[in-house]
């Protein structure tokens, strides 16, 4: 489903990625591990179209997406990819329901349809009673599940997670990790997870280790 070929990325004189090749199948859960600064998040951002490689190609279903013009690049990201970050990036002035709806609004979905879908996701994630609450009124685990709901609103084919349990306590971390597998079973989505959490990394179907800009 996803194929990366000879991916290179530099920032100034720092050569971060030095020829990454990988393939990921539909419905697969893949973890990416490695020391800080090894290039894990850089690779995730390139796979997620948040950045472009300096050299190399990214294919989704055999379509080379790194060559798309900027508008098409952004549209592809909005429709096909969901993101879950360590820092939830929830908008504090909006309710839980409104935060979940934002990617759907960007896609042009009507408010009524977006809110109906968002409520179903909040119910699935046991957050239905928090729909009118603002992020500051939620626990860390609830905020992260809210971020997952937001990532799911546009039915993306791929969920990319960057240290998703980095700010959670052990109980919330276990619940979030299990949630990814429940979602895969429910929606058959593909997950790529960058993590330092060894328990989460070992749960994945496949664990990739990056060192010095390359996959070992």
N, C-alpha and C. Protein backbone atom coordinates (compact mmCIF):
# COMPACT_ATOMS: atom_id res chain seq x y z
N UNK A 1 0.82 -1.20 0.00
CA UNK A 1 0.00 0.00 0.00
C UNK A 1 0.86 1.26 0.00
N UNK A 2 1.95 1.23 0.79
CA UNK A 2 2.87 2.36 0.86
C UNK A 2 4.26 1.86 0.49
N UNK A 3 4.92 2.61 -0.37
CA UNK A 3 6.29 2.23 -0.76
C UNK A 3 7.16 3.47 -0.78
N UNK A 4 8.28 3.39 -0.09
CA UNK A 4 9.27 4.47 -0.09
C UNK A 4 10.54 3.94 -0.73
N UNK A 5 11.11 4.71 -1.64
CA UNK A 5 12.31 4.28 -2.36
C UNK A 5 13.41 5.33 -2.24
N UNK A 6 14.52 4.94 -1.63
CA UNK A 6 15.74 5.75 -1.58
C UNK A 6 15.48 7.16 -1.07
N UNK A 7 14.84 7.25 0.10
CA UNK A 7 14.47 8.55 0.66
C UNK A 7 15.65 9.19 1.36
N UNK A 8 15.97 10.40 0.92
CA UNK A 8 17.02 11.21 1.54
C UNK A 8 16.40 12.53 2.01
N UNK A 9 16.88 13.01 3.16
CA UNK A 9 16.43 14.32 3.65
C UNK A 9 17.54 14.95 4.47
N UNK A 10 17.84 16.21 4.14
CA UNK A 10 18.84 16.97 4.88
C UNK A 10 18.24 18.27 5.36
N UNK A 11 18.76 18.76 6.48
CA UNK A 11 18.43 20.09 6.98
C UNK A 11 19.75 20.84 7.13
N UNK A 12 20.03 21.72 6.20
CA UNK A 12 21.34 22.35 6.17
C UNK A 12 22.41 21.29 5.87
N UNK A 13 23.42 21.23 6.74
CA UNK A 13 24.49 20.25 6.55
C UNK A 13 24.19 18.92 7.23
N UNK A 14 23.05 18.85 7.93
CA UNK A 14 22.70 17.62 8.64
C UNK A 14 21.94 16.67 7.73
N UNK A 15 22.55 15.57 7.37
CA UNK A 15 21.94 14.55 6.50
C UNK A 15 21.19 13.57 7.39
N UNK A 16 19.85 13.73 7.48
CA UNK A 16 19.05 12.97 8.45
C UNK A 16 18.68 11.59 7.92
N UNK A 17 18.11 11.53 6.73
CA UNK A 17 17.73 10.25 6.11
C UNK A 17 18.68 9.96 4.96
N UNK A 18 19.21 8.74 4.92
CA UNK A 18 20.31 8.43 4.00
C UNK A 18 20.00 7.23 3.11
N UNK A 19 18.82 7.26 2.50
CA UNK A 19 18.46 6.18 1.58
C UNK A 19 17.55 5.16 2.21
N UNK A 20 16.35 5.60 2.60
CA UNK A 20 15.36 4.72 3.24
C UNK A 20 14.54 4.01 2.17
N UNK A 21 14.43 2.69 2.30
CA UNK A 21 13.53 1.89 1.47
C UNK A 21 12.61 1.11 2.40
N UNK A 22 11.31 1.15 2.12
CA UNK A 22 10.39 0.33 2.93
C UNK A 22 9.09 0.11 2.16
N UNK A 23 8.39 -0.94 2.54
CA UNK A 23 7.06 -1.25 2.02
C UNK A 23 6.15 -1.58 3.19
N UNK A 24 4.92 -1.08 3.15
CA UNK A 24 3.94 -1.33 4.20
C UNK A 24 2.65 -1.79 3.55
N UNK A 25 2.10 -2.88 4.06
CA UNK A 25 0.90 -3.47 3.50
C UNK A 25 -0.35 -2.85 4.11
N UNK A 26 -1.46 -2.93 3.39
CA UNK A 26 -2.74 -2.43 3.90
C UNK A 26 -3.13 -3.21 5.15
N UNK A 27 -3.57 -2.51 6.17
CA UNK A 27 -4.02 -3.14 7.40
C UNK A 27 -2.89 -3.53 8.34
N UNK A 28 -1.66 -3.19 7.98
CA UNK A 28 -0.52 -3.55 8.81
C UNK A 28 -0.29 -2.47 9.87
N UNK A 29 0.17 -2.90 11.05
CA UNK A 29 0.60 -1.98 12.10
C UNK A 29 2.11 -2.10 12.21
N UNK A 30 2.79 -1.01 11.89
CA UNK A 30 4.25 -1.01 11.86
C UNK A 30 4.76 0.02 12.87
N UNK A 31 5.69 -0.38 13.73
CA UNK A 31 6.32 0.56 14.64
C UNK A 31 7.71 0.91 14.12
N UNK A 32 8.12 2.14 14.40
CA UNK A 32 9.46 2.62 14.02
C UNK A 32 10.15 3.07 15.29
N UNK A 33 11.30 2.48 15.56
CA UNK A 33 12.04 2.80 16.78
C UNK A 33 13.46 3.22 16.42
N UNK A 34 14.15 3.79 17.41
CA UNK A 34 15.53 4.22 17.22
C UNK A 34 15.85 5.33 18.19
N UNK A 35 17.12 5.64 18.31
CA UNK A 35 17.55 6.68 19.23
C UNK A 35 17.03 8.05 18.79
N UNK A 36 16.97 8.98 19.73
CA UNK A 36 16.59 10.35 19.40
C UNK A 36 17.56 10.90 18.34
N UNK A 37 17.00 11.55 17.33
CA UNK A 37 17.82 12.11 16.26
C UNK A 37 18.15 11.14 15.15
N UNK A 38 17.61 9.91 15.23
CA UNK A 38 17.93 8.91 14.20
C UNK A 38 17.19 9.16 12.90
N UNK A 39 16.11 9.95 12.94
CA UNK A 39 15.35 10.24 11.72
C UNK A 39 13.94 9.69 11.71
N UNK A 40 13.47 9.17 12.85
CA UNK A 40 12.14 8.55 12.90
C UNK A 40 11.02 9.53 12.53
N UNK A 41 11.00 10.66 13.21
CA UNK A 41 9.93 11.63 12.96
C UNK A 41 10.06 12.25 11.58
N UNK A 42 11.28 12.46 11.12
CA UNK A 42 11.48 12.99 9.77
C UNK A 42 10.88 12.05 8.74
N UNK A 43 11.13 10.75 8.90
CA UNK A 43 10.56 9.78 7.98
C UNK A 43 9.04 9.79 8.06
N UNK A 44 8.49 9.86 9.27
CA UNK A 44 7.04 9.87 9.43
C UNK A 44 6.43 11.09 8.74
N UNK A 45 7.07 12.24 8.88
CA UNK A 45 6.55 13.46 8.26
C UNK A 45 6.58 13.36 6.73
N UNK A 46 7.59 12.71 6.19
CA UNK A 46 7.66 12.54 4.74
C UNK A 46 6.61 11.54 4.27
N UNK A 47 6.46 10.44 5.00
CA UNK A 47 5.41 9.48 4.65
C UNK A 47 4.02 10.10 4.75
N UNK A 48 3.87 11.05 5.68
CA UNK A 48 2.59 11.71 5.89
C UNK A 48 2.37 12.95 5.06
N UNK A 49 3.27 13.26 4.13
CA UNK A 49 3.20 14.41 3.22
C UNK A 49 3.24 15.74 3.96
N UNK A 50 3.75 15.75 5.19
CA UNK A 50 3.99 17.01 5.88
C UNK A 50 5.30 17.64 5.40
N UNK A 51 6.12 16.85 4.73
CA UNK A 51 7.39 17.33 4.18
C UNK A 51 7.67 16.52 2.92
N UNK A 52 8.56 17.01 2.11
CA UNK A 52 8.94 16.31 0.88
C UNK A 52 10.39 15.84 1.00
N UNK A 53 10.71 14.69 0.42
CA UNK A 53 12.11 14.25 0.43
C UNK A 53 12.96 15.09 -0.49
N UNK A 54 14.25 15.19 -0.18
CA UNK A 54 15.18 15.84 -1.10
C UNK A 54 15.45 14.94 -2.30
N UNK A 55 15.37 13.64 -2.07
CA UNK A 55 15.63 12.65 -3.11
C UNK A 55 14.82 11.40 -2.77
N UNK A 56 14.36 10.69 -3.80
CA UNK A 56 13.58 9.48 -3.57
C UNK A 56 12.11 9.68 -3.88
N UNK A 57 11.34 8.61 -3.72
CA UNK A 57 9.93 8.61 -4.13
C UNK A 57 9.06 7.95 -3.07
N UNK A 58 7.81 8.47 -2.95
CA UNK A 58 6.80 7.91 -2.06
C UNK A 58 5.59 7.51 -2.89
N UNK A 59 5.17 6.26 -2.78
CA UNK A 59 4.02 5.76 -3.52
C UNK A 59 2.92 5.31 -2.54
N UNK A 60 1.69 5.69 -2.84
CA UNK A 60 0.51 5.16 -2.16
C UNK A 60 -0.32 4.46 -3.22
N UNK A 61 -0.53 3.17 -3.05
CA UNK A 61 -1.28 2.39 -4.05
C UNK A 61 -0.74 2.65 -5.46
N UNK A 62 0.58 2.63 -5.56
CA UNK A 62 1.30 2.76 -6.84
C UNK A 62 1.17 4.13 -7.49
N UNK A 63 0.67 5.12 -6.72
CA UNK A 63 0.63 6.50 -7.22
C UNK A 63 1.75 7.27 -6.53
N UNK A 64 2.62 7.90 -7.32
CA UNK A 64 3.74 8.64 -6.73
C UNK A 64 3.25 9.99 -6.25
N UNK A 65 3.12 10.12 -4.94
CA UNK A 65 2.47 11.31 -4.40
C UNK A 65 3.45 12.46 -4.14
N UNK A 66 4.74 12.18 -4.06
CA UNK A 66 5.69 13.27 -3.78
C UNK A 66 5.83 14.23 -4.96
N UNK A 67 5.34 13.84 -6.13
CA UNK A 67 5.40 14.72 -7.30
C UNK A 67 4.15 15.58 -7.47
N UNK A 68 3.15 15.39 -6.60
CA UNK A 68 1.91 16.16 -6.73
C UNK A 68 2.17 17.63 -6.46
N UNK A 69 1.47 18.53 -7.16
CA UNK A 69 1.57 19.96 -6.84
C UNK A 69 1.01 20.22 -5.44
N UNK A 70 1.34 21.35 -4.87
CA UNK A 70 1.07 21.60 -3.45
C UNK A 70 -0.41 21.44 -3.08
N UNK A 71 -1.30 21.92 -3.91
CA UNK A 71 -2.72 21.83 -3.57
C UNK A 71 -3.17 20.37 -3.54
N UNK A 72 -2.78 19.59 -4.53
CA UNK A 72 -3.13 18.17 -4.57
C UNK A 72 -2.47 17.42 -3.42
N UNK A 73 -1.26 17.83 -3.09
CA UNK A 73 -0.52 17.25 -1.97
C UNK A 73 -1.31 17.43 -0.68
N UNK A 74 -1.81 18.64 -0.46
CA UNK A 74 -2.58 18.95 0.75
C UNK A 74 -3.92 18.21 0.75
N UNK A 75 -4.57 18.13 -0.40
CA UNK A 75 -5.84 17.41 -0.50
C UNK A 75 -5.65 15.93 -0.19
N UNK A 76 -4.58 15.35 -0.71
CA UNK A 76 -4.28 13.95 -0.44
C UNK A 76 -4.11 13.72 1.06
N UNK A 77 -3.36 14.61 1.71
CA UNK A 77 -3.12 14.49 3.15
C UNK A 77 -4.44 14.55 3.92
N UNK A 78 -5.28 15.49 3.58
CA UNK A 78 -6.53 15.68 4.30
C UNK A 78 -7.48 14.48 4.16
N UNK A 79 -7.48 13.87 2.98
CA UNK A 79 -8.43 12.79 2.70
C UNK A 79 -7.90 11.41 3.07
N UNK A 80 -6.60 11.21 2.99
CA UNK A 80 -6.06 9.85 3.08
C UNK A 80 -5.28 9.55 4.36
N UNK A 81 -4.87 10.59 5.10
CA UNK A 81 -3.96 10.39 6.22
C UNK A 81 -4.50 11.06 7.48
N UNK A 82 -4.47 10.32 8.58
CA UNK A 82 -4.82 10.87 9.89
C UNK A 82 -3.57 10.91 10.76
N UNK A 83 -3.47 11.94 11.61
CA UNK A 83 -2.29 12.14 12.43
C UNK A 83 -2.64 12.13 13.91
N UNK A 84 -1.79 11.47 14.69
CA UNK A 84 -1.89 11.52 16.15
C UNK A 84 -0.49 11.84 16.66
N UNK A 85 -0.36 12.98 17.36
CA UNK A 85 0.94 13.42 17.84
C UNK A 85 1.05 13.28 19.36
N UNK A 86 2.27 13.37 19.86
CA UNK A 86 2.50 13.33 21.30
C UNK A 86 1.76 14.48 21.98
N UNK A 87 1.88 15.67 21.39
CA UNK A 87 1.15 16.83 21.89
C UNK A 87 -0.10 16.94 21.03
N UNK A 88 -1.23 16.92 21.67
CA UNK A 88 -2.49 16.64 20.97
C UNK A 88 -2.86 17.68 19.92
N UNK A 89 -2.36 18.91 20.08
CA UNK A 89 -2.68 19.99 19.14
C UNK A 89 -4.19 20.21 19.03
N UNK A 90 -4.88 20.04 20.15
CA UNK A 90 -6.31 20.35 20.19
C UNK A 90 -6.47 21.86 20.36
N UNK A 91 -7.51 22.40 19.75
CA UNK A 91 -7.75 23.84 19.85
C UNK A 91 -8.52 24.13 21.14
N UNK A 92 -7.92 24.87 22.08
CA UNK A 92 -8.49 24.99 23.42
C UNK A 92 -9.82 25.72 23.48
N UNK A 93 -10.09 26.57 22.49
CA UNK A 93 -11.33 27.36 22.54
C UNK A 93 -12.53 26.59 22.00
N UNK A 94 -12.30 25.42 21.41
CA UNK A 94 -13.38 24.64 20.83
C UNK A 94 -13.71 23.43 21.69
N UNK A 95 -14.94 22.95 21.57
CA UNK A 95 -15.35 21.76 22.32
C UNK A 95 -14.73 20.51 21.70
N UNK A 96 -14.88 19.40 22.41
CA UNK A 96 -14.39 18.12 21.89
C UNK A 96 -15.03 17.82 20.53
N UNK A 97 -16.33 18.02 20.43
CA UNK A 97 -17.03 17.75 19.17
C UNK A 97 -16.49 18.62 18.05
N UNK A 98 -16.29 19.90 18.32
CA UNK A 98 -15.80 20.81 17.29
C UNK A 98 -14.38 20.46 16.87
N UNK A 99 -13.53 20.07 17.82
CA UNK A 99 -12.17 19.67 17.48
C UNK A 99 -12.15 18.48 16.53
N UNK A 100 -13.02 17.52 16.78
CA UNK A 100 -13.07 16.33 15.92
C UNK A 100 -13.53 16.70 14.52
N UNK A 101 -14.44 17.66 14.42
CA UNK A 101 -15.04 18.02 13.13
C UNK A 101 -14.12 18.81 12.20
N UNK A 102 -13.08 19.43 12.73
CA UNK A 102 -12.28 20.39 11.94
C UNK A 102 -11.75 19.79 10.63
N UNK A 103 -11.13 18.60 10.61
CA UNK A 103 -10.67 18.07 9.32
C UNK A 103 -11.81 17.84 8.32
N UNK A 104 -12.99 17.50 8.83
CA UNK A 104 -14.14 17.30 7.94
C UNK A 104 -14.59 18.63 7.34
N UNK A 105 -14.56 19.69 8.15
CA UNK A 105 -14.91 21.01 7.62
C UNK A 105 -13.92 21.42 6.53
N UNK A 106 -12.63 21.15 6.74
CA UNK A 106 -11.62 21.48 5.75
C UNK A 106 -11.91 20.76 4.44
N UNK A 107 -12.41 19.52 4.54
CA UNK A 107 -12.72 18.74 3.35
C UNK A 107 -14.01 19.22 2.67
N UNK A 108 -14.78 20.07 3.34
CA UNK A 108 -16.00 20.59 2.75
C UNK A 108 -17.26 19.83 3.13
N UNK A 109 -17.18 18.97 4.13
CA UNK A 109 -18.35 18.22 4.59
C UNK A 109 -19.25 19.17 5.38
N UNK A 110 -20.56 19.03 5.22
CA UNK A 110 -21.50 19.92 5.90
C UNK A 110 -21.41 19.74 7.41
N UNK A 111 -21.81 20.77 8.15
CA UNK A 111 -21.73 20.71 9.61
C UNK A 111 -22.56 19.55 10.16
N UNK A 112 -23.76 19.36 9.65
CA UNK A 112 -24.64 18.32 10.18
C UNK A 112 -24.03 16.93 9.99
N UNK A 113 -23.49 16.67 8.80
CA UNK A 113 -22.87 15.37 8.53
C UNK A 113 -21.61 15.17 9.35
N UNK A 114 -20.81 16.23 9.46
CA UNK A 114 -19.56 16.14 10.23
C UNK A 114 -19.86 15.88 11.70
N UNK A 115 -20.83 16.60 12.25
CA UNK A 115 -21.15 16.42 13.67
C UNK A 115 -21.75 15.04 13.93
N UNK A 116 -22.57 14.55 13.01
CA UNK A 116 -23.14 13.21 13.17
C UNK A 116 -22.05 12.15 13.20
N UNK A 117 -21.09 12.28 12.30
CA UNK A 117 -19.99 11.32 12.26
C UNK A 117 -19.10 11.46 13.48
N UNK A 118 -18.83 12.70 13.89
CA UNK A 118 -17.99 12.95 15.06
C UNK A 118 -18.61 12.35 16.31
N UNK A 119 -19.90 12.47 16.46
CA UNK A 119 -20.58 11.91 17.63
C UNK A 119 -20.47 10.39 17.65
N UNK A 120 -20.55 9.77 16.48
CA UNK A 120 -20.40 8.31 16.41
C UNK A 120 -18.99 7.90 16.82
N UNK A 121 -17.99 8.67 16.40
CA UNK A 121 -16.61 8.38 16.79
C UNK A 121 -16.40 8.58 18.28
N UNK A 122 -16.95 9.66 18.82
CA UNK A 122 -16.83 9.91 20.26
C UNK A 122 -17.50 8.79 21.05
N UNK A 123 -18.61 8.30 20.55
CA UNK A 123 -19.28 7.17 21.20
C UNK A 123 -18.41 5.92 21.14
N UNK A 124 -17.81 5.66 19.98
CA UNK A 124 -16.95 4.49 19.81
C UNK A 124 -15.77 4.55 20.77
N UNK A 125 -15.27 5.76 21.04
CA UNK A 125 -14.10 5.94 21.89
C UNK A 125 -14.48 6.26 23.34
N UNK A 126 -15.76 6.06 23.67
CA UNK A 126 -16.25 6.29 25.04
C UNK A 126 -16.04 7.74 25.50
N UNK A 127 -16.25 8.66 24.59
CA UNK A 127 -16.11 10.07 24.90
C UNK A 127 -17.41 10.84 24.68
N UNK A 128 -18.51 10.11 24.49
CA UNK A 128 -19.77 10.77 24.13
C UNK A 128 -20.21 11.77 25.19
N UNK A 129 -19.91 11.51 26.45
CA UNK A 129 -20.33 12.43 27.51
C UNK A 129 -19.41 13.65 27.61
N UNK A 130 -18.35 13.66 26.82
CA UNK A 130 -17.41 14.78 26.84
C UNK A 130 -17.56 15.68 25.62
N UNK A 131 -18.56 15.46 24.81
CA UNK A 131 -18.70 16.16 23.53
C UNK A 131 -18.70 17.67 23.67
N UNK A 132 -19.31 18.18 24.74
CA UNK A 132 -19.41 19.64 24.91
C UNK A 132 -18.30 20.21 25.79
N UNK A 133 -17.40 19.34 26.25
CA UNK A 133 -16.30 19.80 27.09
C UNK A 133 -15.15 20.34 26.22
N UNK A 134 -14.41 21.27 26.78
CA UNK A 134 -13.22 21.78 26.10
C UNK A 134 -12.00 20.96 26.54
N UNK A 135 -10.93 20.97 25.75
CA UNK A 135 -9.78 20.11 26.05
C UNK A 135 -9.25 20.23 27.47
N UNK A 136 -9.24 21.44 28.03
CA UNK A 136 -8.71 21.63 29.38
C UNK A 136 -9.52 20.89 30.43
N UNK A 137 -10.74 20.52 30.10
CA UNK A 137 -11.61 19.79 31.04
C UNK A 137 -11.45 18.28 30.92
N UNK A 138 -10.56 17.82 30.04
CA UNK A 138 -10.36 16.39 29.81
C UNK A 138 -9.04 15.93 30.40
N UNK A 139 -8.99 14.65 30.77
CA UNK A 139 -7.73 14.07 31.24
C UNK A 139 -6.79 13.89 30.05
N UNK A 140 -5.53 13.57 30.34
CA UNK A 140 -4.56 13.35 29.27
C UNK A 140 -4.98 12.22 28.35
N UNK A 141 -5.46 11.13 28.93
CA UNK A 141 -5.91 10.00 28.13
C UNK A 141 -7.11 10.35 27.27
N UNK A 142 -8.03 11.14 27.82
CA UNK A 142 -9.21 11.56 27.05
C UNK A 142 -8.80 12.50 25.92
N UNK A 143 -7.86 13.38 26.18
CA UNK A 143 -7.40 14.29 25.12
C UNK A 143 -6.76 13.50 23.97
N UNK A 144 -6.00 12.46 24.30
CA UNK A 144 -5.36 11.69 23.25
C UNK A 144 -6.39 10.88 22.46
N UNK A 145 -7.39 10.33 23.13
CA UNK A 145 -8.47 9.63 22.40
C UNK A 145 -9.25 10.61 21.53
N UNK A 146 -9.39 11.84 22.00
CA UNK A 146 -10.04 12.87 21.19
C UNK A 146 -9.21 13.15 19.94
N UNK A 147 -7.90 13.19 20.08
CA UNK A 147 -7.02 13.38 18.92
C UNK A 147 -7.14 12.21 17.95
N UNK A 148 -7.34 11.01 18.47
CA UNK A 148 -7.55 9.84 17.61
C UNK A 148 -8.86 10.00 16.84
N UNK A 149 -9.92 10.43 17.52
CA UNK A 149 -11.21 10.65 16.85
C UNK A 149 -11.06 11.66 15.72
N UNK A 150 -10.34 12.72 15.99
CA UNK A 150 -10.10 13.74 14.95
C UNK A 150 -9.35 13.13 13.76
N UNK A 151 -8.38 12.27 14.05
CA UNK A 151 -7.61 11.62 12.98
C UNK A 151 -8.48 10.71 12.13
N UNK A 152 -9.57 10.20 12.70
CA UNK A 152 -10.42 9.22 12.01
C UNK A 152 -11.57 9.84 11.23
N UNK A 153 -11.85 11.12 11.43
CA UNK A 153 -13.09 11.71 10.94
C UNK A 153 -13.25 11.62 9.42
N UNK A 154 -12.15 11.68 8.66
CA UNK A 154 -12.25 11.64 7.20
C UNK A 154 -12.03 10.24 6.62
N UNK A 155 -12.13 9.22 7.46
CA UNK A 155 -11.92 7.83 7.01
C UNK A 155 -10.58 7.66 6.30
N UNK A 156 -9.48 8.09 6.90
CA UNK A 156 -8.19 7.97 6.23
C UNK A 156 -7.78 6.52 6.07
N UNK A 157 -7.02 6.25 5.03
CA UNK A 157 -6.52 4.90 4.82
C UNK A 157 -5.38 4.58 5.78
N UNK A 158 -4.67 5.64 6.22
CA UNK A 158 -3.47 5.47 7.04
C UNK A 158 -3.53 6.40 8.25
N UNK A 159 -3.15 5.86 9.40
CA UNK A 159 -2.98 6.67 10.61
C UNK A 159 -1.49 6.70 10.94
N UNK A 160 -0.93 7.91 11.06
CA UNK A 160 0.46 8.07 11.44
C UNK A 160 0.50 8.64 12.86
N UNK A 161 1.24 7.99 13.74
CA UNK A 161 1.30 8.40 15.14
C UNK A 161 2.75 8.64 15.54
N UNK A 162 3.01 9.81 16.11
CA UNK A 162 4.37 10.19 16.52
C UNK A 162 4.40 10.29 18.04
N UNK A 163 5.02 9.31 18.69
CA UNK A 163 5.08 9.23 20.15
C UNK A 163 3.70 9.44 20.78
N UNK A 164 2.69 8.66 20.36
CA UNK A 164 1.31 8.93 20.79
C UNK A 164 1.08 8.77 22.28
N UNK A 165 1.88 7.94 22.96
CA UNK A 165 1.68 7.75 24.40
C UNK A 165 2.77 8.44 25.22
N UNK A 166 3.53 9.33 24.59
CA UNK A 166 4.66 9.96 25.25
C UNK A 166 4.30 10.77 26.48
N UNK A 167 3.09 11.33 26.52
CA UNK A 167 2.69 12.17 27.65
C UNK A 167 1.63 11.50 28.53
N UNK A 168 1.43 10.19 28.35
CA UNK A 168 0.37 9.49 29.10
C UNK A 168 0.95 8.66 30.23
N UNK A 169 0.13 8.46 31.28
CA UNK A 169 0.53 7.55 32.34
C UNK A 169 0.42 6.12 31.82
N UNK A 170 0.92 5.16 32.60
CA UNK A 170 1.01 3.78 32.11
C UNK A 170 -0.35 3.19 31.78
N UNK A 171 -1.36 3.47 32.59
CA UNK A 171 -2.70 2.92 32.33
C UNK A 171 -3.27 3.48 31.03
N UNK A 172 -3.17 4.80 30.85
CA UNK A 172 -3.69 5.42 29.62
C UNK A 172 -2.90 4.95 28.40
N UNK A 173 -1.60 4.71 28.58
CA UNK A 173 -0.78 4.23 27.47
C UNK A 173 -1.25 2.86 27.00
N UNK A 174 -1.50 1.95 27.95
CA UNK A 174 -1.97 0.61 27.59
C UNK A 174 -3.30 0.69 26.86
N UNK A 175 -4.19 1.56 27.35
CA UNK A 175 -5.51 1.70 26.71
C UNK A 175 -5.37 2.25 25.29
N UNK A 176 -4.47 3.22 25.10
CA UNK A 176 -4.27 3.78 23.76
C UNK A 176 -3.67 2.74 22.82
N UNK A 177 -2.71 1.98 23.31
CA UNK A 177 -2.09 0.95 22.48
C UNK A 177 -3.13 -0.06 22.01
N UNK A 178 -3.98 -0.50 22.93
CA UNK A 178 -5.01 -1.46 22.56
C UNK A 178 -6.00 -0.86 21.57
N UNK A 179 -6.25 0.45 21.74
CA UNK A 179 -7.19 1.13 20.85
C UNK A 179 -6.74 1.03 19.39
N UNK A 180 -5.44 1.16 19.14
CA UNK A 180 -4.96 1.07 17.76
C UNK A 180 -5.33 -0.28 17.14
N UNK A 181 -5.21 -1.35 17.91
CA UNK A 181 -5.52 -2.67 17.38
C UNK A 181 -7.02 -2.87 17.23
N UNK A 182 -7.80 -2.28 18.14
CA UNK A 182 -9.26 -2.32 18.00
C UNK A 182 -9.70 -1.58 16.73
N UNK A 183 -9.05 -0.44 16.46
CA UNK A 183 -9.40 0.33 15.27
C UNK A 183 -9.02 -0.42 14.00
N UNK A 184 -7.88 -1.07 14.02
CA UNK A 184 -7.48 -1.86 12.86
C UNK A 184 -8.50 -2.97 12.58
N UNK A 185 -8.96 -3.61 13.63
CA UNK A 185 -9.96 -4.67 13.46
C UNK A 185 -11.28 -4.11 12.96
N UNK A 186 -11.65 -2.92 13.46
CA UNK A 186 -12.93 -2.32 13.10
C UNK A 186 -12.91 -1.72 11.70
N UNK A 187 -11.82 -1.01 11.35
CA UNK A 187 -11.80 -0.22 10.11
C UNK A 187 -10.74 -0.67 9.10
N UNK A 188 -9.91 -1.65 9.47
CA UNK A 188 -8.85 -2.17 8.60
C UNK A 188 -7.92 -1.07 8.12
N UNK A 189 -7.60 -0.14 9.03
CA UNK A 189 -6.68 0.93 8.67
C UNK A 189 -5.23 0.50 8.90
N UNK A 190 -4.35 1.18 8.23
CA UNK A 190 -2.92 0.95 8.34
C UNK A 190 -2.34 1.94 9.35
N UNK A 191 -1.48 1.46 10.23
CA UNK A 191 -0.90 2.32 11.27
C UNK A 191 0.62 2.30 11.17
N UNK A 192 1.22 3.49 11.18
CA UNK A 192 2.68 3.63 11.29
C UNK A 192 2.93 4.44 12.55
N UNK A 193 3.65 3.86 13.49
CA UNK A 193 3.78 4.45 14.83
C UNK A 193 5.25 4.63 15.18
N UNK A 194 5.66 5.87 15.37
CA UNK A 194 7.00 6.16 15.90
C UNK A 194 6.89 6.20 17.41
N UNK A 195 7.73 5.44 18.11
CA UNK A 195 7.59 5.37 19.56
C UNK A 195 8.90 4.97 20.23
N UNK A 196 9.06 5.46 21.46
CA UNK A 196 10.13 4.98 22.34
C UNK A 196 9.58 3.94 23.32
N UNK A 197 8.25 3.73 23.27
CA UNK A 197 7.62 2.79 24.19
C UNK A 197 7.84 1.37 23.68
N UNK A 198 8.67 0.61 24.37
CA UNK A 198 9.03 -0.73 23.89
C UNK A 198 7.83 -1.67 23.86
N UNK A 199 6.91 -1.51 24.83
CA UNK A 199 5.74 -2.38 24.85
C UNK A 199 4.89 -2.18 23.61
N UNK A 200 4.65 -0.91 23.23
CA UNK A 200 3.88 -0.62 22.03
C UNK A 200 4.62 -1.09 20.78
N UNK A 201 5.92 -0.82 20.72
CA UNK A 201 6.70 -1.21 19.55
C UNK A 201 6.65 -2.71 19.33
N UNK A 202 6.72 -3.47 20.42
CA UNK A 202 6.74 -4.93 20.31
C UNK A 202 5.37 -5.51 19.98
N UNK A 203 4.29 -4.75 20.21
CA UNK A 203 2.95 -5.23 19.89
C UNK A 203 2.68 -5.20 18.38
N UNK A 204 3.42 -4.36 17.66
CA UNK A 204 3.15 -4.16 16.23
C UNK A 204 3.40 -5.43 15.43
N UNK A 205 2.80 -5.48 14.25
CA UNK A 205 3.04 -6.61 13.34
C UNK A 205 4.51 -6.66 12.93
N UNK A 206 5.13 -5.48 12.83
CA UNK A 206 6.51 -5.39 12.38
C UNK A 206 7.16 -4.19 13.05
N UNK A 207 8.40 -4.36 13.48
CA UNK A 207 9.14 -3.27 14.13
C UNK A 207 10.36 -2.93 13.27
N UNK A 208 10.45 -1.67 12.85
CA UNK A 208 11.57 -1.19 12.07
C UNK A 208 12.47 -0.34 12.95
N UNK A 209 13.77 -0.54 12.86
CA UNK A 209 14.73 0.24 13.65
C UNK A 209 15.53 1.13 12.72
N UNK A 210 15.54 2.44 13.03
CA UNK A 210 16.35 3.39 12.27
C UNK A 210 17.59 3.75 13.08
N UNK A 211 18.72 3.72 12.43
CA UNK A 211 19.98 4.16 13.04
C UNK A 211 20.79 4.88 11.99
N UNK A 212 21.28 6.05 12.34
CA UNK A 212 22.11 6.84 11.44
C UNK A 212 21.46 7.04 10.08
N UNK A 213 20.14 7.31 10.10
CA UNK A 213 19.45 7.66 8.87
C UNK A 213 19.09 6.51 7.96
N UNK A 214 19.28 5.27 8.43
CA UNK A 214 18.93 4.11 7.62
C UNK A 214 18.16 3.09 8.44
N UNK A 215 17.35 2.27 7.75
CA UNK A 215 16.65 1.19 8.44
C UNK A 215 17.60 0.00 8.53
N UNK A 216 17.78 -0.50 9.75
CA UNK A 216 18.68 -1.64 9.94
C UNK A 216 18.05 -2.90 9.37
